[in-house]
């Protein structure tokens, strides 16, 4: 593709944020969902049985068994048939400023038979993931699963291999990489440290700034310059994405979502969520579970 990005400096690649949310095979976690996934979330599905309709602002796309669907972050709702079975890899892939890795506006649908390396990489990744029953939620979120160093390294290696084959499939389909402005390495390290912190643990931003050889005002200046908000605003946005991710899961109690984010009282979580979104957690969940139903 003329003008497509094929290589960047290592400093530029260092500002790429990639993390695995889950990978499994089985029934869809939610048969029906309206509205988009949280902004940072990328979904890649391989339909093994049944079908799914993916709804965007521009069109409705139907994916049948034997096809892959790569869904851009923050773009779509869906309706699965009752007999649907899939392989689902859910992850984040974006630059430090929030721009997605690929300039994908609509879902990309591919035939699985034409992409055997993607299928092998996805199957290998699923086998490396801790056992997780997506229907009954009998295990904690993947990020909280306990595992050995060897198992962790195996999982990370297989995830990186999946991202490699996934990105190759997108580029082969003519989807261009996006590009972010060159980022101050101190900001990249600050974002890395915040993203690595447990969601329930408060962050000492002054200590964070000090660890990077900065004052708090200097740290916030970097965040405002590159990310249009302070370090605390970035932390809040991160927690909000995880809150939304938890709330669109119909099997996760709202109280459990609140506790995982560090709220001791569900009422405090509800007030915080409504202040940021205009909806209570229950209203947000109801809206995503029932397509076309207005949020009160």
Protein backbone atom coordinates (compact mmCIF):
# COMPACT_ATOMS: atom_id res chain seq x y z
CA UNK A 1 0.00 0.00 0.00
CA UNK A 2 1.55 3.29 -1.09
CA UNK A 3 2.63 5.44 1.83
CA UNK A 4 1.94 2.71 4.40
CA UNK A 5 4.11 2.62 7.52
CA UNK A 6 6.44 -0.36 7.47
CA UNK A 7 9.02 0.56 10.10
CA UNK A 8 9.29 2.91 13.07
CA UNK A 9 12.07 3.69 15.49
CA UNK A 10 12.31 1.58 18.62
CA UNK A 11 11.44 4.68 20.63
CA UNK A 12 8.19 5.00 18.70
CA UNK A 13 7.36 1.30 19.13
CA UNK A 14 8.05 1.65 22.85
CA UNK A 15 4.98 3.89 23.17
CA UNK A 16 2.71 1.08 21.92
CA UNK A 17 0.44 -0.32 24.62
CA UNK A 18 -0.58 -3.97 24.12
CA UNK A 19 -2.19 -6.18 26.77
CA UNK A 20 -4.31 -9.33 26.81
CA UNK A 21 -7.74 -9.20 28.46
CA UNK A 22 -8.87 -12.76 27.74
CA UNK A 23 -8.67 -15.58 25.19
CA UNK A 24 -11.04 -18.56 25.22
CA UNK A 25 -13.18 -20.89 23.10
CA UNK A 26 -16.86 -21.51 23.78
CA UNK A 27 -20.16 -19.69 23.96
CA UNK A 28 -20.21 -15.89 23.55
CA UNK A 29 -19.92 -14.01 26.86
CA UNK A 30 -22.98 -11.99 25.87
CA UNK A 31 -25.47 -12.97 23.15
CA UNK A 32 -26.69 -9.43 22.64
CA UNK A 33 -24.87 -6.18 23.22
CA UNK A 34 -25.57 -2.67 22.03
CA UNK A 35 -23.18 0.23 22.02
CA UNK A 36 -19.43 -0.07 21.73
CA UNK A 37 -16.91 -1.89 23.83
CA UNK A 38 -14.73 0.36 26.01
CA UNK A 39 -12.57 2.59 23.84
CA UNK A 40 -9.32 0.68 24.30
CA UNK A 41 -10.74 -2.80 23.68
CA UNK A 42 -10.14 -4.74 20.44
CA UNK A 43 -12.14 -7.90 19.76
CA UNK A 44 -11.05 -10.65 17.38
CA UNK A 45 -13.52 -13.50 16.89
CA UNK A 46 -13.38 -16.72 14.89
CA UNK A 47 -16.89 -18.14 14.48
CA UNK A 48 -16.89 -21.93 14.85
CA UNK A 49 -20.69 -22.35 14.77
CA UNK A 50 -23.72 -20.14 14.26
CA UNK A 51 -23.37 -16.53 13.20
CA UNK A 52 -23.25 -12.99 14.56
CA UNK A 53 -24.46 -9.63 13.30
CA UNK A 54 -22.12 -6.75 14.14
CA UNK A 55 -23.71 -3.31 14.18
CA UNK A 56 -21.78 -0.09 13.61
CA UNK A 57 -22.94 3.41 12.93
CA UNK A 58 -22.59 2.83 9.19
CA UNK A 59 -23.66 -0.77 8.53
CA UNK A 60 -24.54 -4.24 9.80
CA UNK A 61 -22.00 -7.00 9.08
CA UNK A 62 -22.84 -10.72 9.23
CA UNK A 63 -20.10 -13.17 10.22
CA UNK A 64 -20.63 -16.88 9.59
CA UNK A 65 -18.89 -20.01 10.90
CA UNK A 66 -15.42 -20.32 9.39
CA UNK A 67 -14.78 -16.58 9.36
CA UNK A 68 -12.73 -14.19 11.47
CA UNK A 69 -14.10 -10.82 12.55
CA UNK A 70 -11.65 -8.12 13.66
CA UNK A 71 -13.63 -5.37 15.35
CA UNK A 72 -12.13 -1.91 15.86
CA UNK A 73 -11.99 -0.53 19.38
CA UNK A 74 -15.06 1.35 20.55
CA UNK A 75 -17.05 0.72 17.37
CA UNK A 76 -19.79 -1.90 17.54
CA UNK A 77 -22.63 -3.80 19.17
CA UNK A 78 -23.62 -7.35 18.26
CA UNK A 79 -26.27 -10.09 18.18
CA UNK A 80 -25.20 -13.76 18.23
CA UNK A 81 -27.45 -16.63 17.22
CA UNK A 82 -28.31 -19.10 19.99
CA UNK A 83 -26.08 -21.81 18.51
CA UNK A 84 -23.03 -19.55 18.20
CA UNK A 85 -19.63 -20.81 19.31
CA UNK A 86 -16.43 -18.89 18.87
CA UNK A 87 -12.79 -18.35 19.66
CA UNK A 88 -12.52 -14.92 21.26
CA UNK A 89 -9.33 -12.92 21.82
CA UNK A 90 -9.98 -9.65 23.63
CA UNK A 91 -7.07 -7.24 24.05
CA UNK A 92 -5.82 -3.67 23.83
CA UNK A 93 -3.52 -2.36 21.09
CA UNK A 94 -3.08 1.38 20.99
CA UNK A 95 -0.51 4.13 21.15
CA UNK A 96 0.18 6.04 24.32
CA UNK A 97 -2.08 8.88 23.15
CA UNK A 98 -5.01 6.47 22.78
CA UNK A 99 -4.97 6.11 18.99
CA UNK A 100 -5.59 2.51 17.88
CA UNK A 101 -2.70 0.64 16.30
CA UNK A 102 -4.56 0.22 13.00
CA UNK A 103 -6.75 2.67 11.12
CA UNK A 104 -9.76 0.35 11.00
CA UNK A 105 -13.14 2.05 10.71
CA UNK A 106 -15.41 -0.97 10.13
CA UNK A 107 -15.11 -4.65 11.14
CA UNK A 108 -12.74 -6.64 8.95
CA UNK A 109 -14.09 -10.09 7.99
CA UNK A 110 -11.64 -12.77 6.82
CA UNK A 111 -11.99 -16.44 5.88
CA UNK A 112 -10.23 -18.58 8.48
CA UNK A 113 -9.05 -21.02 5.81
CA UNK A 114 -7.05 -18.22 4.19
CA UNK A 115 -5.24 -17.40 7.44
CA UNK A 116 -3.99 -20.65 8.97
CA UNK A 117 -1.14 -18.95 10.88
CA UNK A 118 -3.63 -16.68 12.64
CA UNK A 119 -5.75 -19.70 13.57
CA UNK A 120 -2.74 -21.61 14.89
CA UNK A 121 -1.53 -18.63 16.91
CA UNK A 122 -4.99 -18.07 18.41
CA UNK A 123 -5.43 -21.74 19.32
CA UNK A 124 -1.98 -21.78 20.92
CA UNK A 125 -2.79 -18.65 22.91
CA UNK A 126 -6.06 -20.13 24.23
CA UNK A 127 -4.23 -23.27 25.37
CA UNK A 128 -1.76 -21.12 27.33
CA UNK A 129 -4.48 -19.15 29.16
CA UNK A 130 -5.51 -20.18 32.69
CA UNK A 131 -8.74 -22.20 32.73
CA UNK A 132 -11.68 -19.81 32.62
CA UNK A 133 -15.38 -20.58 32.31
CA UNK A 134 -16.68 -17.56 30.42
CA UNK A 135 -20.30 -18.59 31.09
CA UNK A 136 -20.21 -19.09 34.87
CA UNK A 137 -17.31 -16.76 35.71
CA UNK A 138 -15.79 -19.41 37.99
CA UNK A 139 -12.36 -17.78 37.74
CA UNK A 140 -11.17 -14.20 38.28
CA UNK A 141 -10.31 -11.90 35.36
CA UNK A 142 -7.24 -13.12 33.50
CA UNK A 143 -5.03 -10.37 34.90
CA UNK A 144 -5.77 -11.62 38.44
CA UNK A 145 -5.13 -15.31 37.74
CA UNK A 146 -2.22 -16.81 39.70
CA UNK A 147 0.39 -18.62 37.64
CA UNK A 148 4.06 -19.62 37.60
CA UNK A 149 6.86 -17.66 35.95
CA UNK A 150 7.21 -20.35 33.26
CA UNK A 151 3.48 -20.28 32.50
CA UNK A 152 3.47 -16.48 32.42
CA UNK A 153 6.39 -16.35 29.99
CA UNK A 154 4.69 -18.95 27.79
CA UNK A 155 1.45 -16.96 27.79
CA UNK A 156 3.21 -13.70 27.00
CA UNK A 157 5.19 -15.27 24.17
CA UNK A 158 2.08 -16.76 22.62
CA UNK A 159 0.20 -13.49 22.96
CA UNK A 160 3.01 -11.63 21.21
CA UNK A 161 3.00 -14.28 18.47
CA UNK A 162 -0.76 -13.83 18.08
CA UNK A 163 -0.35 -10.04 17.78
CA UNK A 164 2.32 -10.59 15.12
CA UNK A 165 0.06 -12.80 12.98
CA UNK A 166 -3.00 -10.61 13.66
CA UNK A 167 -1.18 -7.47 12.52
CA UNK A 168 0.12 -9.27 9.42
CA UNK A 169 -3.46 -10.27 8.51
CA UNK A 170 -4.59 -6.65 8.82
CA UNK A 171 -1.71 -5.32 6.74
CA UNK A 172 -2.24 -8.02 4.08
CA UNK A 173 -5.85 -6.79 3.86
CA UNK A 174 -4.59 -3.26 3.18
CA UNK A 175 -5.36 -1.81 6.63
CA UNK A 176 -2.68 0.78 7.45
CA UNK A 177 -0.89 1.23 10.74
CA UNK A 178 -1.70 4.47 12.47
CA UNK A 179 1.11 6.62 13.77
CA UNK A 180 1.51 8.61 16.94
CA UNK A 181 3.68 11.63 17.55
CA UNK A 182 7.06 10.87 19.11
CA UNK A 183 6.59 10.68 22.87
CA UNK A 184 8.86 11.79 25.70
CA UNK A 185 10.32 8.53 27.13
CA UNK A 186 9.54 9.75 30.66
CA UNK A 187 5.86 9.93 29.77
CA UNK A 188 5.99 6.45 28.25
CA UNK A 189 7.54 5.12 31.46
CA UNK A 190 4.96 6.93 33.62
CA UNK A 191 2.09 5.41 31.62
CA UNK A 192 3.74 2.00 31.85
CA UNK A 193 3.99 2.31 35.64
CA UNK A 194 0.36 3.45 36.03
CA UNK A 195 -0.92 0.67 33.77
CA UNK A 196 1.02 -1.89 35.83
CA UNK A 197 -0.56 -0.82 39.11
CA UNK A 198 -3.43 -2.88 40.58
CA UNK A 199 -6.73 -1.13 39.91
CA UNK A 200 -7.76 -1.25 43.57
CA UNK A 201 -4.57 0.43 44.79
CA UNK A 202 -4.37 4.25 45.04
CA UNK A 203 -1.45 5.79 43.16
CA UNK A 204 0.88 8.30 44.84
CA UNK A 205 1.46 10.65 41.92
CA UNK A 206 4.14 12.64 43.71
CA UNK A 207 6.11 9.44 44.32
CA UNK A 208 5.55 8.41 40.71
CA UNK A 209 6.93 11.74 39.50
CA UNK A 210 9.92 11.44 41.84
CA UNK A 211 10.79 7.99 40.52
CA UNK A 212 11.16 9.57 37.07
CA UNK A 213 13.24 12.51 38.33
CA UNK A 214 10.34 14.93 37.92
CA UNK A 215 8.23 17.12 40.15
CA UNK A 216 4.48 16.49 40.17
CA UNK A 217 3.88 19.69 38.17
CA UNK A 218 6.44 18.58 35.54
CA UNK A 219 4.79 15.17 35.30
CA UNK A 220 1.36 16.70 34.85
CA UNK A 221 2.74 19.09 32.25
CA UNK A 222 3.94 16.10 30.21
CA UNK A 223 0.54 14.39 30.48
CA UNK A 224 -1.36 17.53 29.52
CA UNK A 225 0.97 18.22 26.58
CA UNK A 226 0.69 14.73 25.08
CA UNK A 227 -2.53 13.23 26.49
CA UNK A 228 -4.69 16.31 27.14
CA UNK A 229 -5.09 15.64 30.86
CA UNK A 230 -3.18 15.20 34.10
CA UNK A 231 -1.71 11.96 35.38
CA UNK A 232 -4.68 11.61 37.71
CA UNK A 233 -7.08 12.09 34.78
CA UNK A 234 -5.25 9.29 32.92
CA UNK A 235 -5.59 7.04 35.98
CA UNK A 236 -9.32 7.81 36.20
CA UNK A 237 -9.81 7.05 32.51
CA UNK A 238 -8.03 3.71 32.95
CA UNK A 239 -10.31 2.79 35.85
CA UNK A 240 -13.39 3.86 33.87
CA UNK A 241 -12.45 1.61 30.94
CA UNK A 242 -12.14 -1.33 33.32
CA UNK A 243 -15.43 -0.41 34.99
CA UNK A 244 -17.24 -0.40 31.63
CA UNK A 245 -15.57 -3.67 30.69
CA UNK A 246 -16.85 -5.25 33.89
CA UNK A 247 -20.35 -3.83 33.53
CA UNK A 248 -20.94 -5.14 30.01
CA UNK A 249 -20.34 -8.64 31.39
CA UNK A 250 -23.87 -9.68 32.45
CA UNK A 251 -22.51 -12.39 34.78
CA UNK A 252 -20.37 -10.07 36.94
CA UNK A 253 -22.18 -8.59 39.98
CA UNK A 254 -21.92 -4.80 40.08
CA UNK A 255 -20.63 -5.06 43.65
CA UNK A 256 -17.78 -7.27 42.43
CA UNK A 257 -16.87 -4.74 39.72
CA UNK A 258 -16.79 -2.02 42.38
CA UNK A 259 -14.57 -4.02 44.76
CA UNK A 260 -12.07 -4.84 42.01
CA UNK A 261 -11.68 -1.12 41.37
CA UNK A 262 -11.02 -0.40 45.04
CA UNK A 263 -14.45 0.87 46.11
CA UNK A 264 -15.46 -0.43 49.52
CA UNK A 265 -19.07 0.63 49.05
CA UNK A 266 -21.07 0.04 45.85
CA UNK A 267 -22.80 3.37 46.43
CA UNK A 268 -19.45 5.18 46.16
CA UNK A 269 -18.74 3.35 42.91
CA UNK A 270 -22.18 4.28 41.57
CA UNK A 271 -21.67 7.97 42.40
CA UNK A 272 -18.19 7.97 40.81
CA UNK A 273 -19.40 6.21 37.66
CA UNK A 274 -22.41 8.50 37.24
CA UNK A 275 -20.24 11.60 37.70
CA UNK A 276 -18.00 10.48 34.83
CA UNK A 277 -20.61 9.04 32.44
CA UNK A 278 -23.99 10.49 33.40
CA UNK A 279 -25.35 6.95 34.02
CA UNK A 280 -25.49 4.75 37.07
CA UNK A 281 -23.74 1.37 36.66
CA UNK A 282 -27.12 -0.37 36.51
CA UNK A 283 -28.39 2.00 33.81
CA UNK A 284 -25.22 1.49 31.77
CA UNK A 285 -25.53 -2.30 32.02
CA UNK A 286 -29.24 -2.23 31.15
CA UNK A 287 -28.53 -0.15 28.05
CA UNK A 288 -25.81 -2.52 26.79
CA UNK A 289 -27.89 -5.65 27.49
CA UNK A 290 -31.03 -4.47 25.68
CA UNK A 291 -30.44 -3.07 22.18
CA UNK A 292 -32.52 -0.03 21.37
CA UNK A 293 -33.61 0.56 24.96
CA UNK A 294 -32.93 4.12 26.04
CA UNK A 295 -30.95 4.89 29.14
CA UNK A 296 -33.21 6.54 31.69
